[in-house]
Amino acid sequence: MLRRSPSAPHSEMSSQTSVLPTAPPPLSGLSQAEAAERLRRVGPNILAPAPRWAGLREAAETLADPMALMLLAAAVVYLVVGETRDGIVMLAALIPVLGVDVFLAARSRNALQKLAAAVPPEATVLRDGREQTVPARELVPGDLLLLQEGDILHADGVLRCAANLTLAKPI
């Protein structure tokens, strides 16, 4: 599993972060004491809140798209050569593209927040050699998650074994 700073949530871990210096947990899972220590050390497994200006950032990312840049460049060229009407039409064409993209991203973000608030997620883990249901926010690196059909994975992980596994990534 991955290590991160105590203040950073699990969702902010990246492939550049270092690997915990422990061997994979035995099939008995972590002990309650080790899980509590890791929770203290790495913090809770929670989604990072959306930044205050997420919509502006998403609009900027949409403008950085090659097609949007091409439309913007064409509009500037039209305005520079004196074709004001065509330049304004090209700039106006960007508004629906930006609007729809930002709207869809905001709707997805709101749906995720409502889902997280409506159903506090739980996970089944193997700790101290027995199955336990714990709040997903208490999952720690090294936990052995036990998944069944229809379960939602609430954290990053390493697959140790599976039979007839199918995954869906709806978000």
C-alpha atoms as a PDB file:
ATOM      1  CA  MET A   1       0.000   0.000   0.000  1.00  0.00           C
ATOM      2  CA  LEU A   2       1.047   3.623  -0.226  1.00  0.00           C
ATOM      3  CA  ARG A   3       2.250   6.049   2.420  1.00  0.00           C
ATOM      4  CA  ARG A   4       1.105   9.645   2.580  1.00  0.00           C
ATOM      5  CA  SER A   5       1.389  12.523   4.962  1.00  0.00           C
ATOM      6  CA  PRO A   6      -0.816  12.401   8.093  1.00  0.00           C
ATOM      7  CA  SER A   7      -2.852  15.387   6.890  1.00  0.00           C
ATOM      8  CA  ALA A   8      -3.517  14.114   3.344  1.00  0.00           C
ATOM      9  CA  PRO A   9      -6.550  11.882   2.727  1.00  0.00           C
ATOM     10  CA  HIS A  10      -6.132   8.508   1.004  1.00  0.00           C
ATOM     11  CA  SER A  11      -7.599   9.939  -2.214  1.00  0.00           C
ATOM     12  CA  GLU A  12      -4.560  12.236  -2.565  1.00  0.00           C
ATOM     13  CA  MET A  13      -2.048   9.384  -2.718  1.00  0.00           C
ATOM     14  CA  SER A  14      -0.273   9.013  -6.018  1.00  0.00           C
ATOM     15  CA  SER A  15       2.027   6.593  -7.728  1.00  0.00           C
ATOM     16  CA  GLN A  16       4.937   8.839  -6.756  1.00  0.00           C
ATOM     17  CA  THR A  17       4.393   8.280  -3.028  1.00  0.00           C
ATOM     18  CA  SER A  18       6.590   5.773  -1.283  1.00  0.00           C
ATOM     19  CA  VAL A  19       5.631   2.228  -0.393  1.00  0.00           C
ATOM     20  CA  LEU A  20       5.154   1.339   3.266  1.00  0.00           C
ATOM     21  CA  PRO A  21       8.233  -0.512   4.487  1.00  0.00           C
ATOM     22  CA  THR A  22       6.204  -3.524   5.628  1.00  0.00           C
ATOM     23  CA  ALA A  23       5.646  -6.889   4.021  1.00  0.00           C
ATOM     24  CA  PRO A  24       2.156  -7.716   2.795  1.00  0.00           C
ATOM     25  CA  PRO A  25      -0.070  -8.564   5.745  1.00  0.00           C
ATOM     26  CA  PRO A  26      -0.528 -12.232   6.558  1.00  0.00           C
ATOM     27  CA  LEU A  27      -3.850 -13.839   5.681  1.00  0.00           C
ATOM     28  CA  SER A  28      -4.983 -13.125   9.221  1.00  0.00           C
ATOM     29  CA  GLY A  29      -4.996  -9.438   8.287  1.00  0.00           C
ATOM     30  CA  LEU A  30      -3.716  -6.603  10.386  1.00  0.00           C
ATOM     31  CA  SER A  31      -4.080  -6.617  14.132  1.00  0.00           C
ATOM     32  CA  GLN A  32      -6.427  -4.064  15.695  1.00  0.00           C
ATOM     33  CA  ALA A  33      -3.388  -2.363  17.242  1.00  0.00           C
ATOM     34  CA  GLU A  34      -1.555  -2.126  13.903  1.00  0.00           C
ATOM     35  CA  ALA A  35      -4.699  -0.826  12.171  1.00  0.00           C
ATOM     36  CA  ALA A  36      -5.150   1.808  14.884  1.00  0.00           C
ATOM     37  CA  GLU A  37      -1.477   2.845  14.581  1.00  0.00           C
ATOM     38  CA  ARG A  38      -1.729   3.149  10.791  1.00  0.00           C
ATOM     39  CA  LEU A  39      -4.965   5.130  11.088  1.00  0.00           C
ATOM     40  CA  ARG A  40      -3.212   7.492  13.495  1.00  0.00           C
ATOM     41  CA  ARG A  41      -0.190   7.736  11.196  1.00  0.00           C
ATOM     42  CA  VAL A  42      -1.912   8.186   7.805  1.00  0.00           C
ATOM     43  CA  GLY A  43      -5.280   9.616   8.817  1.00  0.00           C
ATOM     44  CA  PRO A  44      -8.794   8.652   7.776  1.00  0.00           C
ATOM     45  CA  ASN A  45      -9.736   7.277   4.357  1.00  0.00           C
ATOM     46  CA  ILE A  46     -11.902  10.172   3.156  1.00  0.00           C
ATOM     47  CA  LEU A  47     -12.506  11.931  -0.133  1.00  0.00           C
ATOM     48  CA  ALA A  48     -10.773  15.260  -0.406  1.00  0.00           C
ATOM     49  CA  PRO A  49     -13.325  18.090  -0.519  1.00  0.00           C
ATOM     50  CA  ALA A  50     -13.693  19.836  -3.861  1.00  0.00           C
ATOM     51  CA  PRO A  51     -11.708  23.081  -4.020  1.00  0.00           C
ATOM     52  CA  ARG A  52     -13.734  26.271  -3.675  1.00  0.00           C
ATOM     53  CA  TRP A  53     -13.057  27.309  -7.273  1.00  0.00           C
ATOM     54  CA  ALA A  54     -13.367  23.855  -8.870  1.00  0.00           C
ATOM     55  CA  GLY A  55     -15.729  25.160 -11.563  1.00  0.00           C
ATOM     56  CA  LEU A  56     -13.214  27.759 -12.743  1.00  0.00           C
ATOM     57  CA  ARG A  57     -10.473  25.153 -12.818  1.00  0.00           C
ATOM     58  CA  GLU A  58     -12.674  22.829 -14.871  1.00  0.00           C
ATOM     59  CA  ALA A  59     -13.468  25.667 -17.288  1.00  0.00           C
ATOM     60  CA  ALA A  60      -9.742  26.382 -17.654  1.00  0.00           C
ATOM     61  CA  GLU A  61      -9.051  22.688 -18.300  1.00  0.00           C
ATOM     62  CA  THR A  62     -11.789  22.638 -20.944  1.00  0.00           C
ATOM     63  CA  LEU A  63     -10.257  25.710 -22.594  1.00  0.00           C
ATOM     64  CA  ALA A  64      -6.907  23.892 -22.633  1.00  0.00           C
ATOM     65  CA  ASP A  65      -8.470  21.175 -24.803  1.00  0.00           C
ATOM     66  CA  PRO A  66      -6.963  21.253 -28.328  1.00  0.00           C
ATOM     67  CA  MET A  67     -10.354  21.760 -30.004  1.00  0.00           C
ATOM     68  CA  ALA A  68     -11.209  24.668 -27.697  1.00  0.00           C
ATOM     69  CA  LEU A  69      -7.762  26.194 -28.286  1.00  0.00           C
ATOM     70  CA  MET A  70      -8.271  25.886 -32.027  1.00  0.00           C
ATOM     71  CA  LEU A  71     -11.664  27.641 -31.816  1.00  0.00           C
ATOM     72  CA  LEU A  72     -10.135  30.362 -29.636  1.00  0.00           C
ATOM     73  CA  ALA A  73      -7.203  30.837 -32.038  1.00  0.00           C
ATOM     74  CA  ALA A  74      -9.556  31.003 -35.030  1.00  0.00           C
ATOM     75  CA  ALA A  75     -11.664  33.628 -33.241  1.00  0.00           C
ATOM     76  CA  VAL A  76      -8.570  35.720 -32.504  1.00  0.00           C
ATOM     77  CA  VAL A  77      -7.454  35.469 -36.143  1.00  0.00           C
ATOM     78  CA  TYR A  78     -10.900  36.572 -37.337  1.00  0.00           C
ATOM     79  CA  LEU A  79     -10.851  39.530 -34.943  1.00  0.00           C
ATOM     80  CA  VAL A  80      -7.304  40.536 -35.965  1.00  0.00           C
ATOM     81  CA  VAL A  81      -8.105  40.501 -39.696  1.00  0.00           C
ATOM     82  CA  GLY A  82     -11.223  42.578 -39.135  1.00  0.00           C
ATOM     83  CA  GLU A  83     -13.880  39.876 -39.398  1.00  0.00           C
ATOM     84  CA  THR A  84     -15.489  40.937 -36.128  1.00  0.00           C
ATOM     85  CA  ARG A  85     -18.781  39.124 -36.730  1.00  0.00           C
ATOM     86  CA  ASP A  86     -17.085  35.787 -37.448  1.00  0.00           C
ATOM     87  CA  GLY A  87     -14.751  36.226 -34.465  1.00  0.00           C
ATOM     88  CA  ILE A  88     -17.664  36.866 -32.120  1.00  0.00           C
ATOM     89  CA  VAL A  89     -19.511  33.821 -33.494  1.00  0.00           C
ATOM     90  CA  MET A  90     -16.450  31.655 -32.862  1.00  0.00           C
ATOM     91  CA  LEU A  91     -16.115  32.965 -29.296  1.00  0.00           C
ATOM     92  CA  ALA A  92     -19.846  32.420 -28.739  1.00  0.00           C
ATOM     93  CA  ALA A  93     -19.404  28.790 -29.868  1.00  0.00           C
ATOM     94  CA  LEU A  94     -17.122  28.200 -26.872  1.00  0.00           C
ATOM     95  CA  ILE A  95     -19.789  29.207 -24.347  1.00  0.00           C
ATOM     96  CA  PRO A  96     -22.043  26.113 -24.728  1.00  0.00           C
ATOM     97  CA  VAL A  97     -19.013  23.813 -24.755  1.00  0.00           C
ATOM     98  CA  LEU A  98     -17.689  25.313 -21.517  1.00  0.00           C
ATOM     99  CA  GLY A  99     -21.134  25.498 -19.942  1.00  0.00           C
ATOM    100  CA  VAL A 100     -22.031  21.866 -20.577  1.00  0.00           C
ATOM    101  CA  ASP A 101     -18.640  20.598 -19.406  1.00  0.00           C
ATOM    102  CA  VAL A 102     -18.678  22.608 -16.170  1.00  0.00           C
ATOM    103  CA  PHE A 103     -22.352  21.714 -15.548  1.00  0.00           C
ATOM    104  CA  LEU A 104     -21.725  17.973 -15.949  1.00  0.00           C
ATOM    105  CA  ALA A 105     -18.662  18.060 -13.698  1.00  0.00           C
ATOM    106  CA  ALA A 106     -20.571  19.990 -11.003  1.00  0.00           C
ATOM    107  CA  ARG A 107     -23.496  17.569 -11.231  1.00  0.00           C
ATOM    108  CA  SER A 108     -21.156  14.593 -10.820  1.00  0.00           C
ATOM    109  CA  ARG A 109     -19.429  16.230  -7.850  1.00  0.00           C
ATOM    110  CA  ASN A 110     -22.790  16.966  -6.174  1.00  0.00           C
ATOM    111  CA  ALA A 111     -24.066  13.424  -6.779  1.00  0.00           C
ATOM    112  CA  LEU A 112     -20.926  11.986  -5.197  1.00  0.00           C
ATOM    113  CA  GLN A 113     -21.312  14.238  -2.152  1.00  0.00           C
ATOM    114  CA  LYS A 114     -24.981  13.294  -1.728  1.00  0.00           C
ATOM    115  CA  LEU A 115     -24.184   9.603  -2.060  1.00  0.00           C
ATOM    116  CA  ALA A 116     -21.406   9.839   0.518  1.00  0.00           C
ATOM    117  CA  ALA A 117     -23.715  11.686   2.922  1.00  0.00           C
ATOM    118  CA  ALA A 118     -26.693   9.367   2.402  1.00  0.00           C
ATOM    119  CA  VAL A 119     -24.980   6.043   2.986  1.00  0.00           C
ATOM    120  CA  PRO A 120     -21.965   5.992   5.264  1.00  0.00           C
ATOM    121  CA  PRO A 121     -19.809   3.404   3.499  1.00  0.00           C
ATOM    122  CA  GLU A 122     -18.617   0.324   5.310  1.00  0.00           C
ATOM    123  CA  ALA A 123     -16.118  -2.331   4.348  1.00  0.00           C
ATOM    124  CA  THR A 124     -15.519  -5.909   5.417  1.00  0.00           C
ATOM    125  CA  VAL A 125     -11.907  -6.478   6.414  1.00  0.00           C
ATOM    126  CA  LEU A 126      -9.892  -9.293   7.902  1.00  0.00           C
ATOM    127  CA  ARG A 127      -8.344  -8.130  11.183  1.00  0.00           C
ATOM    128  CA  ASP A 128      -6.939 -10.298  13.935  1.00  0.00           C
ATOM    129  CA  GLY A 129      -7.840 -13.325  11.810  1.00  0.00           C
ATOM    130  CA  ARG A 130     -11.582 -12.638  11.711  1.00  0.00           C
ATOM    131  CA  GLU A 131     -14.030 -10.755   9.485  1.00  0.00           C
ATOM    132  CA  GLN A 132     -15.062  -7.343  10.744  1.00  0.00           C
ATOM    133  CA  THR A 133     -17.225  -4.589   9.310  1.00  0.00           C
ATOM    134  CA  VAL A 134     -15.602  -1.195   9.753  1.00  0.00           C
ATOM    135  CA  PRO A 135     -16.484   2.282   8.532  1.00  0.00           C
ATOM    136  CA  ALA A 136     -14.692   2.930   5.215  1.00  0.00           C
ATOM    137  CA  ARG A 137     -13.053   6.009   6.736  1.00  0.00           C
ATOM    138  CA  GLU A 138     -11.131   3.618   9.060  1.00  0.00           C
ATOM    139  CA  LEU A 139      -9.559   1.592   6.221  1.00  0.00           C
ATOM    140  CA  VAL A 140      -5.784   1.764   6.339  1.00  0.00           C
ATOM    141  CA  PRO A 141      -2.950   0.729   4.038  1.00  0.00           C
ATOM    142  CA  GLY A 142      -2.401  -2.995   4.503  1.00  0.00           C
ATOM    143  CA  ASP A 143      -6.007  -3.897   5.338  1.00  0.00           C
ATOM    144  CA  LEU A 144      -7.285  -7.088   3.712  1.00  0.00           C
ATOM    145  CA  LEU A 145     -10.653  -6.208   2.187  1.00  0.00           C
ATOM    146  CA  LEU A 146     -13.102  -9.037   1.663  1.00  0.00           C
ATOM    147  CA  LEU A 147     -15.321  -8.277  -1.309  1.00  0.00           C
ATOM    148  CA  GLN A 148     -18.535  -9.925  -2.425  1.00  0.00           C
ATOM    149  CA  GLU A 149     -20.717  -9.439  -5.468  1.00  0.00           C
ATOM    150  CA  GLY A 150     -22.060  -5.886  -5.566  1.00  0.00           C
ATOM    151  CA  ASP A 151     -19.573  -4.473  -3.051  1.00  0.00           C
ATOM    152  CA  ILE A 152     -18.138  -1.037  -3.647  1.00  0.00           C
ATOM    153  CA  LEU A 153     -14.414  -0.587  -3.130  1.00  0.00           C
ATOM    154  CA  HIS A 154     -13.844   2.423  -0.858  1.00  0.00           C
ATOM    155  CA  ALA A 155     -10.076   2.673  -1.125  1.00  0.00           C
ATOM    156  CA  ASP A 156      -7.111   1.947  -3.348  1.00  0.00           C
ATOM    157  CA  GLY A 157      -5.735  -1.517  -2.919  1.00  0.00           C
ATOM    158  CA  VAL A 158      -3.734  -4.429  -4.215  1.00  0.00           C
ATOM    159  CA  LEU A 159      -5.641  -7.457  -5.466  1.00  0.00           C
ATOM    160  CA  ARG A 160      -4.297 -10.596  -3.794  1.00  0.00           C
ATOM    161  CA  CYS A 161      -6.677 -13.188  -5.279  1.00  0.00           C
ATOM    162  CA  ALA A 162      -9.998 -13.310  -7.122  1.00  0.00           C
ATOM    163  CA  ALA A 163     -12.359 -15.669  -8.886  1.00  0.00           C
ATOM    164  CA  ASN A 164     -14.612 -14.479 -11.730  1.00  0.00           C
ATOM    165  CA  LEU A 165     -13.832 -10.833 -11.013  1.00  0.00           C
ATOM    166  CA  THR A 166     -15.557  -8.084 -12.998  1.00  0.00           C
ATOM    167  CA  LEU A 167     -15.038  -4.422 -12.205  1.00  0.00           C
ATOM    168  CA  ALA A 168     -17.017  -1.321 -13.122  1.00  0.00           C
ATOM    169  CA  LYS A 169     -15.803   2.232 -12.713  1.00  0.00           C
ATOM    170  CA  PRO A 170     -18.966   4.356 -12.708  1.00  0.00           C
ATOM    171  CA  ILE A 171     -17.331   7.522 -11.352  1.00  0.00           C
END
